[in-house]
Amino acid sequence: MQLTGYGEGSSDRLDLTFAALADPTRRAILARLARGEASVMELAEPFEMTQPAISKHLKVLERAGLISRGQDAQRRPRRLEVQSLREAARWLEGYRRFWEVRFQHLDSLLDALKTKGKRHARTKP
């Protein structure tokens, strides 16, 4: 089973996505945006950090393609963008399938060994 297949650009995008997802504050921001778009002030509200600190997190998320900035009069709401998450999920899915096949092979081997062991135990005097 092949686990690669991502070109240089895709690899860079995955790097940015996983780096962005590595931070709990950014994951919390994404969770909030999953409920709908929000302004920087709305996103900063639950955190004990300055607006510039939140803005730095937002820039990381934007660079990774996880969020985008809208324009609503004076407000610039952020919204969740799912394409980068889909790419990361697709990449992870390849590994999930890989390990699932490996574990199925291991289960089969263990079942065969158990059966062989039971037969061997019955033939002993």
N, C-alpha and C. Protein backbone atom coordinates (compact mmCIF):
# COMPACT_ATOMS: atom_id res chain seq x y z
N MET A 1 0.85 -1.18 0.00
CA MET A 1 0.00 0.00 0.00
C MET A 1 0.90 1.24 0.00
N GLN A 2 0.62 2.15 -0.88
CA GLN A 2 1.44 3.35 -0.99
C GLN A 2 0.86 4.45 -0.12
N LEU A 3 1.73 5.10 0.64
CA LEU A 3 1.28 6.16 1.54
C LEU A 3 1.69 7.54 1.07
N THR A 4 2.50 7.60 0.04
CA THR A 4 2.91 8.91 -0.46
C THR A 4 1.94 9.35 -1.54
N GLY A 5 2.42 10.12 -2.49
CA GLY A 5 1.55 10.55 -3.57
C GLY A 5 1.22 12.02 -3.47
N TYR A 6 1.81 12.70 -2.52
CA TYR A 6 1.60 14.12 -2.40
C TYR A 6 2.80 14.84 -2.96
N GLY A 7 2.55 15.78 -3.85
CA GLY A 7 3.63 16.54 -4.45
C GLY A 7 4.20 17.55 -3.48
N GLU A 8 5.21 18.27 -3.94
CA GLU A 8 5.89 19.26 -3.11
C GLU A 8 4.92 20.29 -2.54
N GLY A 9 4.03 20.81 -3.38
CA GLY A 9 3.07 21.81 -2.92
C GLY A 9 2.12 21.27 -1.89
N SER A 10 1.65 20.05 -2.11
CA SER A 10 0.74 19.42 -1.14
C SER A 10 1.44 19.18 0.17
N SER A 11 2.70 18.76 0.10
CA SER A 11 3.48 18.52 1.31
C SER A 11 3.64 19.81 2.11
N ASP A 12 3.92 20.91 1.42
CA ASP A 12 4.05 22.20 2.10
C ASP A 12 2.74 22.60 2.76
N ARG A 13 1.63 22.39 2.06
CA ARG A 13 0.32 22.73 2.63
C ARG A 13 0.03 21.88 3.86
N LEU A 14 0.37 20.58 3.78
CA LEU A 14 0.17 19.71 4.94
C LEU A 14 1.03 20.17 6.11
N ASP A 15 2.27 20.56 5.83
CA ASP A 15 3.15 21.07 6.89
C ASP A 15 2.51 22.28 7.58
N LEU A 16 2.01 23.21 6.78
CA LEU A 16 1.37 24.40 7.33
C LEU A 16 0.12 24.05 8.12
N THR A 17 -0.67 23.12 7.58
CA THR A 17 -1.91 22.71 8.25
C THR A 17 -1.62 22.08 9.61
N PHE A 18 -0.71 21.10 9.63
CA PHE A 18 -0.43 20.42 10.89
C PHE A 18 0.28 21.34 11.88
N ALA A 19 1.12 22.25 11.41
CA ALA A 19 1.75 23.22 12.31
C ALA A 19 0.68 24.13 12.93
N ALA A 20 -0.28 24.54 12.12
CA ALA A 20 -1.36 25.39 12.64
C ALA A 20 -2.22 24.63 13.65
N LEU A 21 -2.48 23.36 13.36
CA LEU A 21 -3.33 22.55 14.25
C LEU A 21 -2.62 22.13 15.52
N ALA A 22 -1.30 22.30 15.58
CA ALA A 22 -0.53 21.87 16.75
C ALA A 22 -0.80 22.73 17.98
N ASP A 23 -1.35 23.91 17.79
CA ASP A 23 -1.58 24.84 18.90
C ASP A 23 -3.02 24.76 19.39
N PRO A 24 -3.23 24.58 20.70
CA PRO A 24 -4.61 24.46 21.22
C PRO A 24 -5.45 25.72 21.03
N THR A 25 -4.82 26.88 21.07
CA THR A 25 -5.57 28.12 20.85
C THR A 25 -6.12 28.15 19.43
N ARG A 26 -5.29 27.76 18.47
CA ARG A 26 -5.75 27.76 17.08
C ARG A 26 -6.84 26.72 16.86
N ARG A 27 -6.71 25.57 17.51
CA ARG A 27 -7.78 24.56 17.39
C ARG A 27 -9.08 25.08 17.99
N ALA A 28 -8.98 25.81 19.09
CA ALA A 28 -10.19 26.39 19.71
C ALA A 28 -10.81 27.45 18.79
N ILE A 29 -9.97 28.21 18.12
CA ILE A 29 -10.48 29.22 17.17
C ILE A 29 -11.22 28.52 16.04
N LEU A 30 -10.64 27.43 15.52
CA LEU A 30 -11.30 26.68 14.45
C LEU A 30 -12.63 26.10 14.93
N ALA A 31 -12.65 25.60 16.16
CA ALA A 31 -13.90 25.06 16.72
C ALA A 31 -14.96 26.15 16.79
N ARG A 32 -14.56 27.36 17.19
CA ARG A 32 -15.50 28.47 17.25
C ARG A 32 -16.00 28.83 15.85
N LEU A 33 -15.09 28.86 14.87
CA LEU A 33 -15.48 29.21 13.51
C LEU A 33 -16.33 28.13 12.85
N ALA A 34 -16.27 26.92 13.36
CA ALA A 34 -17.14 25.85 12.83
C ALA A 34 -18.61 26.17 13.11
N ARG A 35 -18.86 27.02 14.10
CA ARG A 35 -20.24 27.43 14.40
C ARG A 35 -20.69 28.63 13.57
N GLY A 36 -19.75 29.26 12.86
CA GLY A 36 -20.08 30.42 12.04
C GLY A 36 -18.98 31.46 12.10
N GLU A 37 -19.02 32.40 11.16
CA GLU A 37 -17.96 33.40 11.10
C GLU A 37 -17.99 34.29 12.34
N ALA A 38 -16.83 34.90 12.61
CA ALA A 38 -16.70 35.74 13.81
C ALA A 38 -15.62 36.80 13.56
N SER A 39 -15.75 37.90 14.28
CA SER A 39 -14.75 38.97 14.20
C SER A 39 -13.56 38.60 15.08
N VAL A 40 -12.47 39.35 14.92
CA VAL A 40 -11.28 39.12 15.73
C VAL A 40 -11.64 39.30 17.21
N MET A 41 -12.41 40.32 17.53
CA MET A 41 -12.78 40.57 18.92
C MET A 41 -13.61 39.40 19.48
N GLU A 42 -14.52 38.89 18.67
CA GLU A 42 -15.33 37.74 19.12
C GLU A 42 -14.45 36.51 19.33
N LEU A 43 -13.48 36.34 18.47
CA LEU A 43 -12.59 35.19 18.59
C LEU A 43 -11.66 35.33 19.79
N ALA A 44 -11.27 36.57 20.12
CA ALA A 44 -10.36 36.82 21.24
C ALA A 44 -11.06 36.71 22.59
N GLU A 45 -12.37 36.88 22.61
CA GLU A 45 -13.14 36.94 23.86
C GLU A 45 -12.84 35.83 24.87
N PRO A 46 -12.85 34.55 24.47
CA PRO A 46 -12.66 33.51 25.50
C PRO A 46 -11.21 33.32 25.96
N PHE A 47 -10.27 34.03 25.35
CA PHE A 47 -8.86 33.83 25.67
C PHE A 47 -8.32 35.00 26.49
N GLU A 48 -7.38 34.70 27.35
CA GLU A 48 -6.71 35.74 28.12
C GLU A 48 -5.44 36.15 27.38
N MET A 49 -5.63 36.76 26.23
CA MET A 49 -4.49 37.25 25.46
C MET A 49 -4.91 38.50 24.71
N THR A 50 -3.93 39.23 24.27
CA THR A 50 -4.19 40.50 23.60
C THR A 50 -4.72 40.25 22.19
N GLN A 51 -5.31 41.28 21.63
CA GLN A 51 -5.81 41.21 20.27
C GLN A 51 -4.66 40.96 19.29
N PRO A 52 -3.47 41.59 19.48
CA PRO A 52 -2.36 41.27 18.57
C PRO A 52 -1.93 39.80 18.65
N ALA A 53 -2.00 39.21 19.82
CA ALA A 53 -1.64 37.79 19.95
C ALA A 53 -2.64 36.92 19.20
N ILE A 54 -3.92 37.24 19.31
CA ILE A 54 -4.95 36.50 18.57
C ILE A 54 -4.73 36.70 17.07
N SER A 55 -4.39 37.92 16.68
CA SER A 55 -4.14 38.20 15.26
C SER A 55 -3.00 37.35 14.71
N LYS A 56 -1.97 37.12 15.52
CA LYS A 56 -0.87 36.25 15.08
C LYS A 56 -1.37 34.83 14.84
N HIS A 57 -2.21 34.35 15.73
CA HIS A 57 -2.79 33.01 15.54
C HIS A 57 -3.63 32.97 14.27
N LEU A 58 -4.40 34.02 14.03
CA LEU A 58 -5.24 34.08 12.83
C LEU A 58 -4.38 34.09 11.56
N LYS A 59 -3.25 34.78 11.59
CA LYS A 59 -2.37 34.80 10.43
C LYS A 59 -1.83 33.39 10.13
N VAL A 60 -1.49 32.65 11.17
CA VAL A 60 -1.01 31.27 10.98
C VAL A 60 -2.11 30.43 10.34
N LEU A 61 -3.34 30.58 10.84
CA LEU A 61 -4.47 29.82 10.30
C LEU A 61 -4.77 30.24 8.85
N GLU A 62 -4.66 31.52 8.56
CA GLU A 62 -4.87 32.00 7.19
C GLU A 62 -3.80 31.46 6.25
N ARG A 63 -2.53 31.52 6.68
CA ARG A 63 -1.43 31.01 5.86
C ARG A 63 -1.61 29.53 5.54
N ALA A 64 -2.17 28.79 6.49
CA ALA A 64 -2.40 27.36 6.29
C ALA A 64 -3.65 27.10 5.45
N GLY A 65 -4.41 28.15 5.14
CA GLY A 65 -5.63 28.00 4.35
C GLY A 65 -6.79 27.45 5.15
N LEU A 66 -6.69 27.52 6.48
CA LEU A 66 -7.76 26.98 7.34
C LEU A 66 -8.87 27.99 7.58
N ILE A 67 -8.55 29.27 7.45
CA ILE A 67 -9.58 30.30 7.59
C ILE A 67 -9.37 31.34 6.50
N SER A 68 -10.41 32.14 6.28
CA SER A 68 -10.30 33.26 5.35
C SER A 68 -10.91 34.49 6.01
N ARG A 69 -10.60 35.63 5.44
CA ARG A 69 -11.07 36.91 5.97
C ARG A 69 -12.11 37.47 5.03
N GLY A 70 -13.26 37.76 5.57
CA GLY A 70 -14.33 38.35 4.77
C GLY A 70 -14.35 39.86 4.91
N GLN A 71 -15.30 40.48 4.24
CA GLN A 71 -15.45 41.93 4.35
C GLN A 71 -16.92 42.22 4.51
N ASP A 72 -17.29 42.71 5.67
CA ASP A 72 -18.68 43.02 5.99
C ASP A 72 -18.69 44.42 6.57
N ALA A 73 -18.80 45.43 5.70
CA ALA A 73 -18.72 46.83 6.09
C ALA A 73 -17.39 47.08 6.79
N GLN A 74 -17.40 47.55 8.03
CA GLN A 74 -16.17 47.82 8.78
C GLN A 74 -15.59 46.56 9.41
N ARG A 75 -16.40 45.56 9.51
CA ARG A 75 -16.00 44.30 10.14
C ARG A 75 -15.28 43.41 9.14
N ARG A 76 -14.32 42.65 9.58
CA ARG A 76 -13.63 41.67 8.73
C ARG A 76 -13.76 40.30 9.39
N PRO A 77 -14.93 39.70 9.26
CA PRO A 77 -15.13 38.41 9.93
C PRO A 77 -14.26 37.31 9.33
N ARG A 78 -13.85 36.40 10.18
CA ARG A 78 -13.10 35.22 9.73
C ARG A 78 -14.08 34.08 9.56
N ARG A 79 -13.78 33.22 8.60
CA ARG A 79 -14.63 32.05 8.39
C ARG A 79 -13.75 30.83 8.16
N LEU A 80 -14.28 29.70 8.49
CA LEU A 80 -13.58 28.43 8.34
C LEU A 80 -13.52 28.05 6.87
N GLU A 81 -12.36 27.59 6.43
CA GLU A 81 -12.17 27.05 5.08
C GLU A 81 -11.82 25.58 5.24
N VAL A 82 -12.56 24.70 4.60
CA VAL A 82 -12.42 23.28 4.87
C VAL A 82 -11.44 22.54 3.96
N GLN A 83 -11.00 23.14 2.87
CA GLN A 83 -10.16 22.40 1.92
C GLN A 83 -8.87 21.88 2.55
N SER A 84 -8.18 22.72 3.33
CA SER A 84 -6.94 22.26 3.96
C SER A 84 -7.21 21.15 4.96
N LEU A 85 -8.32 21.24 5.66
CA LEU A 85 -8.69 20.16 6.59
C LEU A 85 -9.01 18.88 5.83
N ARG A 86 -9.67 19.01 4.69
CA ARG A 86 -9.96 17.83 3.87
C ARG A 86 -8.67 17.15 3.40
N GLU A 87 -7.70 17.96 2.97
CA GLU A 87 -6.42 17.40 2.52
C GLU A 87 -5.72 16.67 3.66
N ALA A 88 -5.74 17.26 4.85
CA ALA A 88 -5.11 16.61 6.00
C ALA A 88 -5.85 15.32 6.36
N ALA A 89 -7.17 15.36 6.31
CA ALA A 89 -7.97 14.16 6.62
C ALA A 89 -7.70 13.07 5.59
N ARG A 90 -7.58 13.44 4.32
CA ARG A 90 -7.28 12.47 3.27
C ARG A 90 -5.90 11.83 3.49
N TRP A 91 -4.93 12.64 3.88
CA TRP A 91 -3.59 12.15 4.16
C TRP A 91 -3.62 11.17 5.34
N LEU A 92 -4.32 11.55 6.40
CA LEU A 92 -4.43 10.69 7.58
C LEU A 92 -5.20 9.41 7.25
N GLU A 93 -6.19 9.51 6.40
CA GLU A 93 -6.99 8.34 6.01
C GLU A 93 -6.13 7.27 5.36
N GLY A 94 -5.16 7.68 4.56
CA GLY A 94 -4.25 6.72 3.94
C GLY A 94 -3.50 5.91 5.00
N TYR A 95 -3.07 6.58 6.04
CA TYR A 95 -2.38 5.87 7.12
C TYR A 95 -3.34 5.02 7.93
N ARG A 96 -4.55 5.49 8.14
CA ARG A 96 -5.54 4.69 8.87
C ARG A 96 -5.80 3.39 8.12
N ARG A 97 -6.00 3.48 6.81
CA ARG A 97 -6.24 2.27 6.01
C ARG A 97 -5.04 1.34 6.05
N PHE A 98 -3.83 1.90 5.94
CA PHE A 98 -2.61 1.12 6.00
C PHE A 98 -2.56 0.31 7.29
N TRP A 99 -2.78 0.97 8.43
CA TRP A 99 -2.68 0.26 9.71
C TRP A 99 -3.86 -0.68 9.91
N GLU A 100 -5.00 -0.35 9.38
CA GLU A 100 -6.14 -1.26 9.48
C GLU A 100 -5.84 -2.58 8.78
N VAL A 101 -5.26 -2.54 7.59
CA VAL A 101 -4.88 -3.74 6.85
C VAL A 101 -3.83 -4.52 7.64
N ARG A 102 -2.85 -3.82 8.19
CA ARG A 102 -1.80 -4.49 8.97
C ARG A 102 -2.40 -5.19 10.20
N PHE A 103 -3.30 -4.52 10.89
CA PHE A 103 -3.92 -5.13 12.07
C PHE A 103 -4.82 -6.31 11.70
N GLN A 104 -5.49 -6.23 10.56
CA GLN A 104 -6.29 -7.37 10.10
C GLN A 104 -5.40 -8.57 9.82
N HIS A 105 -4.24 -8.34 9.21
CA HIS A 105 -3.28 -9.43 8.98
C HIS A 105 -2.80 -10.02 10.30
N LEU A 106 -2.51 -9.15 11.25
CA LEU A 106 -2.07 -9.61 12.56
C LEU A 106 -3.17 -10.43 13.25
N ASP A 107 -4.41 -9.95 13.19
CA ASP A 107 -5.54 -10.71 13.76
C ASP A 107 -5.64 -12.09 13.13
N SER A 108 -5.50 -12.16 11.81
CA SER A 108 -5.58 -13.45 11.12
C SER A 108 -4.46 -14.38 11.58
N LEU A 109 -3.27 -13.84 11.69
CA LEU A 109 -2.13 -14.63 12.14
C LEU A 109 -2.34 -15.14 13.56
N LEU A 110 -2.80 -14.27 14.44
CA LEU A 110 -3.05 -14.68 15.83
C LEU A 110 -4.15 -15.74 15.91
N ASP A 111 -5.20 -15.58 15.11
CA ASP A 111 -6.27 -16.59 15.08
C ASP A 111 -5.72 -17.93 14.61
N ALA A 112 -4.88 -17.91 13.58
CA ALA A 112 -4.29 -19.14 13.06
C ALA A 112 -3.40 -19.79 14.11
N LEU A 113 -2.63 -18.99 14.83
CA LEU A 113 -1.77 -19.54 15.89
C LEU A 113 -2.59 -20.13 17.03
N LYS A 114 -3.68 -19.47 17.39
CA LYS A 114 -4.56 -20.00 18.45
C LYS A 114 -5.15 -21.34 18.03
N THR A 115 -5.63 -21.40 16.81
CA THR A 115 -6.23 -22.64 16.29
C THR A 115 -5.19 -23.75 16.27
N LYS A 116 -4.00 -23.44 15.81
CA LYS A 116 -2.91 -24.42 15.76
C LYS A 116 -2.55 -24.87 17.17
N GLY A 117 -2.51 -23.95 18.11
CA GLY A 117 -2.19 -24.28 19.50
C GLY A 117 -3.25 -25.18 20.13
N LYS A 118 -4.52 -24.93 19.84
CA LYS A 118 -5.60 -25.77 20.37
C LYS A 118 -5.52 -27.18 19.79
N ARG A 119 -5.24 -27.27 18.49
CA ARG A 119 -5.12 -28.59 17.86
C ARG A 119 -3.94 -29.35 18.45
N HIS A 120 -2.84 -28.64 18.66
CA HIS A 120 -1.64 -29.26 19.21
C HIS A 120 -1.89 -29.75 20.64
N ALA A 121 -2.62 -28.97 21.41
CA ALA A 121 -2.90 -29.34 22.81
C ALA A 121 -3.79 -30.58 22.88
N ARG A 122 -4.72 -30.75 21.92
CA ARG A 122 -5.62 -31.91 21.93
C ARG A 122 -4.91 -33.18 21.52
N THR A 123 -3.85 -33.07 20.75
CA THR A 123 -3.15 -34.29 20.29
C THR A 123 -2.11 -34.77 21.28
N LYS A 124 -1.82 -34.03 22.33
CA LYS A 124 -0.85 -34.46 23.32
C LYS A 124 -1.47 -35.54 24.21
N PRO A 125 -0.68 -36.58 24.57
CA PRO A 125 -1.21 -37.66 25.43
C PRO A 125 -1.37 -37.25 26.87
